[in-house]
Amino acid sequence: TASALIAADDALDDVPGNDRPGRPDDMWEYEGGASAVPA
């Protein structure tokens, strides 16, 4: 569910080093306003 996804990601943030993009296709650019992977 939507709330379960939010809770799962919050749990990841509690683990050191996990609050950064992982695989390239999951990255969202911090600047420039577009995904690093073409739509």
PDB file of all heavy atoms in Angstrom:
ATOM      1  N   THR A   1       0.834  -1.185   0.000  1.00  0.00           N
ATOM      2  CA  THR A   1       0.000   0.000   0.000  1.00  0.00           C
ATOM      3  C   THR A   1       0.875   1.243   0.000  1.00  0.00           C
ATOM      4  O   THR A   1       2.090   1.176   0.227  1.00  0.00           O
ATOM      5  CB  THR A   1      -0.912   0.018   1.234  1.00  0.00           C
ATOM      6  OG1 THR A   1      -0.092   0.143   2.409  1.00  0.00           O
ATOM      7  CG2 THR A   1      -1.762  -1.245   1.323  1.00  0.00           C
ATOM      8  N   ALA A   2       0.242   2.392  -0.230  1.00  0.00           N
ATOM      9  CA  ALA A   2       0.998   3.644  -0.234  1.00  0.00           C
ATOM     10  C   ALA A   2       1.669   3.898   1.107  1.00  0.00           C
ATOM     11  O   ALA A   2       2.854   4.245   1.170  1.00  0.00           O
ATOM     12  CB  ALA A   2       0.053   4.795  -0.598  1.00  0.00           C
ATOM     13  N   SER A   3       0.932   3.714   2.194  1.00  0.00           N
ATOM     14  CA  SER A   3       1.515   3.944   3.520  1.00  0.00           C
ATOM     15  C   SER A   3       2.626   2.947   3.823  1.00  0.00           C
ATOM     16  O   SER A   3       3.631   3.290   4.470  1.00  0.00           O
ATOM     17  CB  SER A   3       0.438   3.861   4.599  1.00  0.00           C
ATOM     18  OG  SER A   3      -0.404   5.002   4.540  1.00  0.00           O
ATOM     19  N   ALA A   4       2.488   1.695   3.350  1.00  0.00           N
ATOM     20  CA  ALA A   4       3.534   0.701   3.572  1.00  0.00           C
ATOM     21  C   ALA A   4       4.811   1.076   2.829  1.00  0.00           C
ATOM     22  O   ALA A   4       5.924   0.877   3.345  1.00  0.00           O
ATOM     23  CB  ALA A   4       3.048  -0.676   3.147  1.00  0.00           C
ATOM     24  N   LEU A   5       4.688   1.615   1.633  1.00  0.00           N
ATOM     25  CA  LEU A   5       5.869   2.055   0.888  1.00  0.00           C
ATOM     26  C   LEU A   5       6.574   3.203   1.618  1.00  0.00           C
ATOM     27  O   LEU A   5       7.803   3.233   1.706  1.00  0.00           O
ATOM     28  CB  LEU A   5       5.470   2.497  -0.521  1.00  0.00           C
ATOM     29  CG  LEU A   5       5.251   1.398  -1.558  1.00  0.00           C
ATOM     30  CD1 LEU A   5       4.757   2.010  -2.860  1.00  0.00           C
ATOM     31  CD2 LEU A   5       6.533   0.617  -1.794  1.00  0.00           C
ATOM     32  N   ILE A   6       5.795   4.167   2.119  1.00  0.00           N
ATOM     33  CA  ILE A   6       6.381   5.284   2.849  1.00  0.00           C
ATOM     34  C   ILE A   6       7.106   4.775   4.093  1.00  0.00           C
ATOM     35  O   ILE A   6       8.236   5.188   4.406  1.00  0.00           O
ATOM     36  CB  ILE A   6       5.303   6.305   3.241  1.00  0.00           C
ATOM     37  CG1 ILE A   6       4.681   6.952   1.992  1.00  0.00           C
ATOM     38  CG2 ILE A   6       5.866   7.367   4.177  1.00  0.00           C
ATOM     39  CD1 ILE A   6       5.576   7.915   1.265  1.00  0.00           C
ATOM     40  N   ALA A   7       6.464   3.856   4.822  1.00  0.00           N
ATOM     41  CA  ALA A   7       7.074   3.317   6.039  1.00  0.00           C
ATOM     42  C   ALA A   7       8.342   2.549   5.724  1.00  0.00           C
ATOM     43  O   ALA A   7       9.351   2.649   6.446  1.00  0.00           O
ATOM     44  CB  ALA A   7       6.079   2.424   6.768  1.00  0.00           C
ATOM     45  N   ALA A   8       8.355   1.770   4.627  1.00  0.00           N
ATOM     46  CA  ALA A   8       9.538   1.004   4.255  1.00  0.00           C
ATOM     47  C   ALA A   8      10.697   1.926   3.901  1.00  0.00           C
ATOM     48  O   ALA A   8      11.853   1.670   4.253  1.00  0.00           O
ATOM     49  CB  ALA A   8       9.215   0.079   3.092  1.00  0.00           C
ATOM     50  N   ASP A   9      10.396   3.028   3.211  1.00  0.00           N
ATOM     51  CA  ASP A   9      11.466   3.946   2.856  1.00  0.00           C
ATOM     52  C   ASP A   9      11.958   4.711   4.077  1.00  0.00           C
ATOM     53  O   ASP A   9      13.154   5.003   4.196  1.00  0.00           O
ATOM     54  CB  ASP A   9      10.987   4.930   1.779  1.00  0.00           C
ATOM     55  CG  ASP A   9      12.143   5.654   1.116  1.00  0.00           C
ATOM     56  OD1 ASP A   9      12.849   5.031   0.289  1.00  0.00           O
ATOM     57  OD2 ASP A   9      12.369   6.831   1.447  1.00  0.00           O
ATOM     58  N   ASP A  10      11.052   5.036   4.999  1.00  0.00           N
ATOM     59  CA  ASP A  10      11.493   5.679   6.243  1.00  0.00           C
ATOM     60  C   ASP A  10      12.446   4.774   7.014  1.00  0.00           C
ATOM     61  O   ASP A  10      13.406   5.245   7.632  1.00  0.00           O
ATOM     62  CB  ASP A  10      10.279   6.023   7.111  1.00  0.00           C
ATOM     63  CG  ASP A  10       9.485   7.195   6.548  1.00  0.00           C
ATOM     64  OD1 ASP A  10      10.020   7.919   5.692  1.00  0.00           O
ATOM     65  OD2 ASP A  10       8.322   7.382   6.971  1.00  0.00           O
ATOM     66  N   ALA A  11      12.179   3.465   6.983  1.00  0.00           N
ATOM     67  CA  ALA A  11      13.068   2.523   7.667  1.00  0.00           C
ATOM     68  C   ALA A  11      14.445   2.508   7.017  1.00  0.00           C
ATOM     69  O   ALA A  11      15.465   2.383   7.696  1.00  0.00           O
ATOM     70  CB  ALA A  11      12.455   1.126   7.667  1.00  0.00           C
ATOM     71  N   LEU A  12      14.495   2.639   5.683  1.00  0.00           N
ATOM     72  CA  LEU A  12      15.789   2.694   5.000  1.00  0.00           C
ATOM     73  C   LEU A  12      16.590   3.915   5.423  1.00  0.00           C
ATOM     74  O   LEU A  12      17.812   3.865   5.546  1.00  0.00           O
ATOM     75  CB  LEU A  12      15.572   2.736   3.482  1.00  0.00           C
ATOM     76  CG  LEU A  12      15.305   1.414   2.763  1.00  0.00           C
ATOM     77  CD1 LEU A  12      15.088   1.680   1.284  1.00  0.00           C
ATOM     78  CD2 LEU A  12      16.471   0.461   2.958  1.00  0.00           C
ATOM     79  N   ASP A  13      15.896   5.024   5.651  1.00  0.00           N
ATOM     80  CA  ASP A  13      16.597   6.250   6.037  1.00  0.00           C
ATOM     81  C   ASP A  13      17.261   6.131   7.398  1.00  0.00           C
ATOM     82  O   ASP A  13      18.167   6.905   7.719  1.00  0.00           O
ATOM     83  CB  ASP A  13      15.613   7.429   6.052  1.00  0.00           C
ATOM     84  CG  ASP A  13      15.220   7.851   4.646  1.00  0.00           C
ATOM     85  OD1 ASP A  13      15.951   7.492   3.699  1.00  0.00           O
ATOM     86  OD2 ASP A  13      14.199   8.535   4.492  1.00  0.00           O
ATOM     87  N   ASP A  14      16.819   5.178   8.200  1.00  0.00           N
ATOM     88  CA  ASP A  14      17.432   4.996   9.513  1.00  0.00           C
ATOM     89  C   ASP A  14      18.758   4.238   9.443  1.00  0.00           C
ATOM     90  O   ASP A  14      19.492   4.172  10.424  1.00  0.00           O
ATOM     91  CB  ASP A  14      16.479   4.231  10.440  1.00  0.00           C
ATOM     92  CG  ASP A  14      15.238   5.051  10.775  1.00  0.00           C
ATOM     93  OD1 ASP A  14      15.332   6.293  10.707  1.00  0.00           O
ATOM     94  OD2 ASP A  14      14.192   4.457  11.070  1.00  0.00           O
ATOM     95  N   VAL A  15      19.040   3.659   8.264  1.00  0.00           N
ATOM     96  CA  VAL A  15      20.286   2.918   8.078  1.00  0.00           C
ATOM     97  C   VAL A  15      21.341   3.854   7.493  1.00  0.00           C
ATOM     98  O   VAL A  15      21.087   4.490   6.468  1.00  0.00           O
ATOM     99  CB  VAL A  15      20.074   1.712   7.134  1.00  0.00           C
ATOM    100  CG1 VAL A  15      21.375   0.961   6.925  1.00  0.00           C
ATOM    101  CG2 VAL A  15      18.988   0.808   7.683  1.00  0.00           C
ATOM    102  N   PRO A  16      22.520   4.006   8.103  1.00  0.00           N
ATOM    103  CA  PRO A  16      23.536   4.933   7.586  1.00  0.00           C
ATOM    104  C   PRO A  16      23.904   4.620   6.141  1.00  0.00           C
ATOM    105  O   PRO A  16      24.080   3.470   5.750  1.00  0.00           O
ATOM    106  CB  PRO A  16      24.740   4.694   8.522  1.00  0.00           C
ATOM    107  CG  PRO A  16      24.137   4.149   9.781  1.00  0.00           C
ATOM    108  CD  PRO A  16      22.942   3.330   9.351  1.00  0.00           C
ATOM    109  N   GLY A  17      23.989   5.694   5.329  1.00  0.00           N
ATOM    110  CA  GLY A  17      24.411   5.554   3.941  1.00  0.00           C
ATOM    111  C   GLY A  17      23.306   5.205   2.978  1.00  0.00           C
ATOM    112  O   GLY A  17      23.550   5.093   1.788  1.00  0.00           O
ATOM    113  N   ASN A  18      22.080   5.061   3.429  1.00  0.00           N
ATOM    114  CA  ASN A  18      21.009   4.656   2.534  1.00  0.00           C
ATOM    115  C   ASN A  18      20.186   5.817   2.010  1.00  0.00           C
ATOM    116  O   ASN A  18      19.293   5.607   1.203  1.00  0.00           O
ATOM    117  CB  ASN A  18      20.063   3.668   3.233  1.00  0.00           C
ATOM    118  CG  ASN A  18      20.554   2.238   3.123  1.00  0.00           C
ATOM    119  OD1 ASN A  18      21.002   1.821   2.072  1.00  0.00           O
ATOM    120  ND2 ASN A  18      20.486   1.520   4.223  1.00  0.00           N
ATOM    121  N   ASP A  19      20.424   7.047   2.445  1.00  0.00           N
ATOM    122  CA  ASP A  19      19.658   8.182   1.943  1.00  0.00           C
ATOM    123  C   ASP A  19      20.371   8.843   0.767  1.00  0.00           C
ATOM    124  O   ASP A  19      20.650  10.016   0.743  1.00  0.00           O
ATOM    125  CB  ASP A  19      19.428   9.204   3.050  1.00  0.00           C
ATOM    126  CG  ASP A  19      18.397  10.246   2.627  1.00  0.00           C
ATOM    127  OD1 ASP A  19      17.563   9.904   1.774  1.00  0.00           O
ATOM    128  OD2 ASP A  19      18.445  11.372   3.143  1.00  0.00           O
ATOM    129  N   ARG A  20      20.702   8.026  -0.202  1.00  0.00           N
ATOM    130  CA  ARG A  20      21.286   8.531  -1.432  1.00  0.00           C
ATOM    131  C   ARG A  20      20.847   7.608  -2.568  1.00  0.00           C
ATOM    132  O   ARG A  20      20.500   6.459  -2.336  1.00  0.00           O
ATOM    133  CB  ARG A  20      22.821   8.579  -1.333  1.00  0.00           C
ATOM    134  CG  ARG A  20      23.480   7.243  -1.056  1.00  0.00           C
ATOM    135  CD  ARG A  20      25.005   7.387  -1.045  1.00  0.00           C
ATOM    136  NE  ARG A  20      25.669   6.123  -0.786  1.00  0.00           N
ATOM    137  CZ  ARG A  20      25.995   5.697   0.420  1.00  0.00           C
ATOM    138  NH1 ARG A  20      25.708   6.443   1.475  1.00  0.00           N
ATOM    139  NH2 ARG A  20      26.592   4.544   0.594  1.00  0.00           N
ATOM    140  N   PRO A  21      20.864   8.114  -3.822  1.00  0.00           N
ATOM    141  CA  PRO A  21      20.408   7.287  -4.939  1.00  0.00           C
ATOM    142  C   PRO A  21      21.196   5.992  -5.042  1.00  0.00           C
ATOM    143  O   PRO A  21      22.401   5.962  -4.816  1.00  0.00           O
ATOM    144  CB  PRO A  21      20.646   8.183  -6.152  1.00  0.00           C
ATOM    145  CG  PRO A  21      20.654   9.576  -5.593  1.00  0.00           C
ATOM    146  CD  PRO A  21      21.253   9.461  -4.228  1.00  0.00           C
ATOM    147  N   GLY A  22      20.517   4.898  -5.405  1.00  0.00           N
ATOM    148  CA  GLY A  22      21.156   3.595  -5.539  1.00  0.00           C
ATOM    149  C   GLY A  22      21.481   3.312  -6.989  1.00  0.00           C
ATOM    150  O   GLY A  22      22.419   3.864  -7.541  1.00  0.00           O
ATOM    151  N   ARG A  23      20.652   2.470  -7.639  1.00  0.00           N
ATOM    152  CA  ARG A  23      20.901   2.132  -9.037  1.00  0.00           C
ATOM    153  C   ARG A  23      20.706   3.369  -9.909  1.00  0.00           C
ATOM    154  O   ARG A  23      19.922   4.253  -9.579  1.00  0.00           O
ATOM    155  CB  ARG A  23      19.932   1.029  -9.481  1.00  0.00           C
ATOM    156  CG  ARG A  23      20.038  -0.252  -8.670  1.00  0.00           C
ATOM    157  CD  ARG A  23      19.244  -1.367  -9.347  1.00  0.00           C
ATOM    158  NE  ARG A  23      17.899  -0.937  -9.692  1.00  0.00           N
ATOM    159  CZ  ARG A  23      16.864  -1.015  -8.850  1.00  0.00           C
ATOM    160  NH1 ARG A  23      17.033  -1.439  -7.614  1.00  0.00           N
ATOM    161  NH2 ARG A  23      15.654  -0.628  -9.233  1.00  0.00           N
ATOM    162  N   PRO A  24      21.411   3.439 -11.049  1.00  0.00           N
ATOM    163  CA  PRO A  24      21.286   4.629 -11.899  1.00  0.00           C
ATOM    164  C   PRO A  24      19.853   4.895 -12.332  1.00  0.00           C
ATOM    165  O   PRO A  24      19.444   6.042 -12.441  1.00  0.00           O
ATOM    166  CB  PRO A  24      22.183   4.296 -13.094  1.00  0.00           C
ATOM    167  CG  PRO A  24      23.175   3.326 -12.556  1.00  0.00           C
ATOM    168  CD  PRO A  24      22.442   2.515 -11.523  1.00  0.00           C
ATOM    169  N   ASP A  25      19.065   3.819 -12.593  1.00  0.00           N
ATOM    170  CA  ASP A  25      17.710   4.055 -13.074  1.00  0.00           C
ATOM    171  C   ASP A  25      16.771   4.487 -11.970  1.00  0.00           C
ATOM    172  O   ASP A  25      15.628   4.838 -12.216  1.00  0.00           O
ATOM    173  CB  ASP A  25      17.150   2.794 -13.740  1.00  0.00           C
ATOM    174  CG  ASP A  25      17.123   1.605 -12.798  1.00  0.00           C
ATOM    175  OD1 ASP A  25      18.138   1.362 -12.120  1.00  0.00           O
ATOM    176  OD2 ASP A  25      16.086   0.926 -12.749  1.00  0.00           O
ATOM    177  N   ASP A  26      17.228   4.498 -10.722  1.00  0.00           N
ATOM    178  CA  ASP A  26      16.412   5.002  -9.623  1.00  0.00           C
ATOM    179  C   ASP A  26      16.770   6.441  -9.251  1.00  0.00           C
ATOM    180  O   ASP A  26      16.161   7.023  -8.368  1.00  0.00           O
ATOM    181  CB  ASP A  26      16.601   4.130  -8.367  1.00  0.00           C
ATOM    182  CG  ASP A  26      15.939   2.785  -8.519  1.00  0.00           C
ATOM    183  OD1 ASP A  26      15.087   2.663  -9.415  1.00  0.00           O
ATOM    184  OD2 ASP A  26      16.280   1.859  -7.764  1.00  0.00           O
ATOM    185  N   MET A  27      17.783   7.001  -9.923  1.00  0.00           N
ATOM    186  CA  MET A  27      18.268   8.323  -9.521  1.00  0.00           C
ATOM    187  C   MET A  27      17.316   9.428  -9.992  1.00  0.00           C
ATOM    188  O   MET A  27      16.768   9.364 -11.071  1.00  0.00           O
ATOM    189  CB  MET A  27      19.653   8.582 -10.110  1.00  0.00           C
ATOM    190  CG  MET A  27      20.223   9.951  -9.705  1.00  0.00           C
ATOM    191  SD  MET A  27      21.684  10.370 -10.631  1.00  0.00           S
ATOM    192  CE  MET A  27      22.895   9.514  -9.725  1.00  0.00           C
ATOM    193  N   TRP A  28      17.153  10.415  -9.169  1.00  0.00           N
ATOM    194  CA  TRP A  28      16.409  11.624  -9.531  1.00  0.00           C
ATOM    195  C   TRP A  28      17.363  12.795  -9.366  1.00  0.00           C
ATOM    196  O   TRP A  28      17.918  13.011  -8.310  1.00  0.00           O
ATOM    197  CB  TRP A  28      15.205  11.798  -8.615  1.00  0.00           C
ATOM    198  CG  TRP A  28      14.275  12.859  -9.100  1.00  0.00           C
ATOM    199  CD1 TRP A  28      14.386  14.205  -8.934  1.00  0.00           C
ATOM    200  CD2 TRP A  28      13.091  12.666  -9.860  1.00  0.00           C
ATOM    201  NE1 TRP A  28      13.345  14.855  -9.533  1.00  0.00           N
ATOM    202  CE2 TRP A  28      12.540  13.940 -10.109  1.00  0.00           C
ATOM    203  CE3 TRP A  28      12.438  11.536 -10.354  1.00  0.00           C
ATOM    204  CZ2 TRP A  28      11.352  14.110 -10.826  1.00  0.00           C
ATOM    205  CZ3 TRP A  28      11.276  11.708 -11.058  1.00  0.00           C
ATOM    206  CH2 TRP A  28      10.742  12.977 -11.299  1.00  0.00           C
ATOM    207  N   GLU A  29      17.582  13.549 -10.420  1.00  0.00           N
ATOM    208  CA  GLU A  29      18.570  14.625 -10.356  1.00  0.00           C
ATOM    209  C   GLU A  29      18.182  15.655  -9.305  1.00  0.00           C
ATOM    210  O   GLU A  29      17.037  16.051  -9.195  1.00  0.00           O
ATOM    211  CB  GLU A  29      18.685  15.310 -11.718  1.00  0.00           C
ATOM    212  CG  GLU A  29      19.388  14.445 -12.756  1.00  0.00           C
ATOM    213  CD  GLU A  29      19.617  15.218 -14.037  1.00  0.00           C
ATOM    214  OE1 GLU A  29      19.309  16.409 -14.057  1.00  0.00           O
ATOM    215  OE2 GLU A  29      20.093  14.621 -14.986  1.00  0.00           O
ATOM    216  N   TYR A  30      19.160  16.104  -8.551  1.00  0.00           N
ATOM    217  CA  TYR A  30      18.920  17.132  -7.548  1.00  0.00           C
ATOM    218  C   TYR A  30      18.716  18.489  -8.199  1.00  0.00           C
ATOM    219  O   TYR A  30      18.017  19.339  -7.674  1.00  0.00           O
ATOM    220  CB  TYR A  30      20.108  17.193  -6.574  1.00  0.00           C
ATOM    221  CG  TYR A  30      20.147  16.032  -5.630  1.00  0.00           C
ATOM    222  CD1 TYR A  30      20.637  14.801  -6.062  1.00  0.00           C
ATOM    223  CD2 TYR A  30      19.691  16.139  -4.333  1.00  0.00           C
ATOM    224  CE1 TYR A  30      20.666  13.714  -5.206  1.00  0.00           C
ATOM    225  CE2 TYR A  30      19.731  15.064  -3.462  1.00  0.00           C
ATOM    226  CZ  TYR A  30      20.217  13.851  -3.899  1.00  0.00           C
ATOM    227  OH  TYR A  30      20.244  12.783  -3.045  1.00  0.00           O
ATOM    228  N   GLU A  31      19.358  18.738  -9.318  1.00  0.00           N
ATOM    229  CA  GLU A  31      19.183  19.990 -10.029  1.00  0.00           C
ATOM    230  C   GLU A  31      18.837  19.668 -11.475  1.00  0.00           C
ATOM    231  O   GLU A  31      19.193  18.647 -12.014  1.00  0.00           O
ATOM    232  CB  GLU A  31      20.481  20.829  -9.987  1.00  0.00           C
ATOM    233  CG  GLU A  31      20.952  21.172  -8.593  1.00  0.00           C
ATOM    234  CD  GLU A  31      20.016  22.129  -7.877  1.00  0.00           C
ATOM    235  OE1 GLU A  31      19.252  22.824  -8.567  1.00  0.00           O
ATOM    236  OE2 GLU A  31      20.052  22.177  -6.640  1.00  0.00           O
ATOM    237  N   GLY A  32      18.130  20.598 -12.124  1.00  0.00           N
ATOM    238  CA  GLY A  32      17.832  20.425 -13.548  1.00  0.00           C
ATOM    239  C   GLY A  32      16.449  19.915 -13.820  1.00  0.00           C
ATOM    240  O   GLY A  32      15.920  20.101 -14.906  1.00  0.00           O
ATOM    241  N   GLY A  33      15.819  19.232 -12.884  1.00  0.00           N
ATOM    242  CA  GLY A  33      14.418  18.919 -13.005  1.00  0.00           C
ATOM    243  C   GLY A  33      14.057  17.764 -13.898  1.00  0.00           C
ATOM    244  O   GLY A  33      13.024  17.772 -14.540  1.00  0.00           O
ATOM    245  N   ALA A  34      14.852  16.729 -13.997  1.00  0.00           N
ATOM    246  CA  ALA A  34      14.477  15.582 -14.811  1.00  0.00           C
ATOM    247  C   ALA A  34      15.133  14.339 -14.258  1.00  0.00           C
ATOM    248  O   ALA A  34      16.141  14.400 -13.578  1.00  0.00           O
ATOM    249  CB  ALA A  34      14.912  15.788 -16.265  1.00  0.00           C
ATOM    250  N   SER A  35      14.542  13.210 -14.582  1.00  0.00           N
ATOM    251  CA  SER A  35      15.131  11.954 -14.165  1.00  0.00           C
ATOM    252  C   SER A  35      16.431  11.721 -14.922  1.00  0.00           C
ATOM    253  O   SER A  35      16.593  12.139 -16.060  1.00  0.00           O
ATOM    254  CB  SER A  35      14.165  10.806 -14.453  1.00  0.00           C
ATOM    255  OG  SER A  35      14.812   9.576 -14.295  1.00  0.00           O
ATOM    256  N   ALA A  36      17.365  11.024 -14.278  1.00  0.00           N
ATOM    257  CA  ALA A  36      18.626  10.698 -14.948  1.00  0.00           C
ATOM    258  C   ALA A  36      18.410   9.661 -16.034  1.00  0.00           C
ATOM    259  O   ALA A  36      19.254   9.471 -16.886  1.00  0.00           O
ATOM    260  CB  ALA A  36      19.634  10.178 -13.930  1.00  0.00           C
ATOM    261  N   VAL A  37      17.261   8.970 -16.013  1.00  0.00           N
ATOM    262  CA  VAL A  37      16.936   7.972 -17.030  1.00  0.00           C
ATOM    263  C   VAL A  37      15.852   8.535 -17.918  1.00  0.00           C
ATOM    264  O   VAL A  37      14.878   9.097 -17.434  1.00  0.00           O
ATOM    265  CB  VAL A  37      16.436   6.672 -16.355  1.00  0.00           C
ATOM    266  CG1 VAL A  37      16.031   5.651 -17.398  1.00  0.00           C
ATOM    267  CG2 VAL A  37      17.528   6.108 -15.476  1.00  0.00           C
ATOM    268  N   PRO A  38      15.974   8.420 -19.261  1.00  0.00           N
ATOM    269  CA  PRO A  38      14.921   8.939 -20.127  1.00  0.00           C
ATOM    270  C   PRO A  38      13.587   8.282 -19.815  1.00  0.00           C
ATOM    271  O   PRO A  38      13.524   7.122 -19.437  1.00  0.00           O
ATOM    272  CB  PRO A  38      15.412   8.573 -21.540  1.00  0.00           C
ATOM    273  CG  PRO A  38      16.882   8.365 -21.402  1.00  0.00           C
ATOM    274  CD  PRO A  38      17.087   7.835 -20.009  1.00  0.00           C
ATOM    275  N   ALA A  39      12.517   9.036 -20.006  1.00  0.00           N
ATOM    276  CA  ALA A  39      11.183   8.505 -19.760  1.00  0.00           C
ATOM    277  C   ALA A  39      10.892   7.364 -20.720  1.00  0.00           C
ATOM    278  O   ALA A  39      11.138   7.451 -21.921  1.00  0.00           O
ATOM    279  CB  ALA A  39      10.145   9.617 -19.933  1.00  0.00           C
TER     280      ALA A  39
END
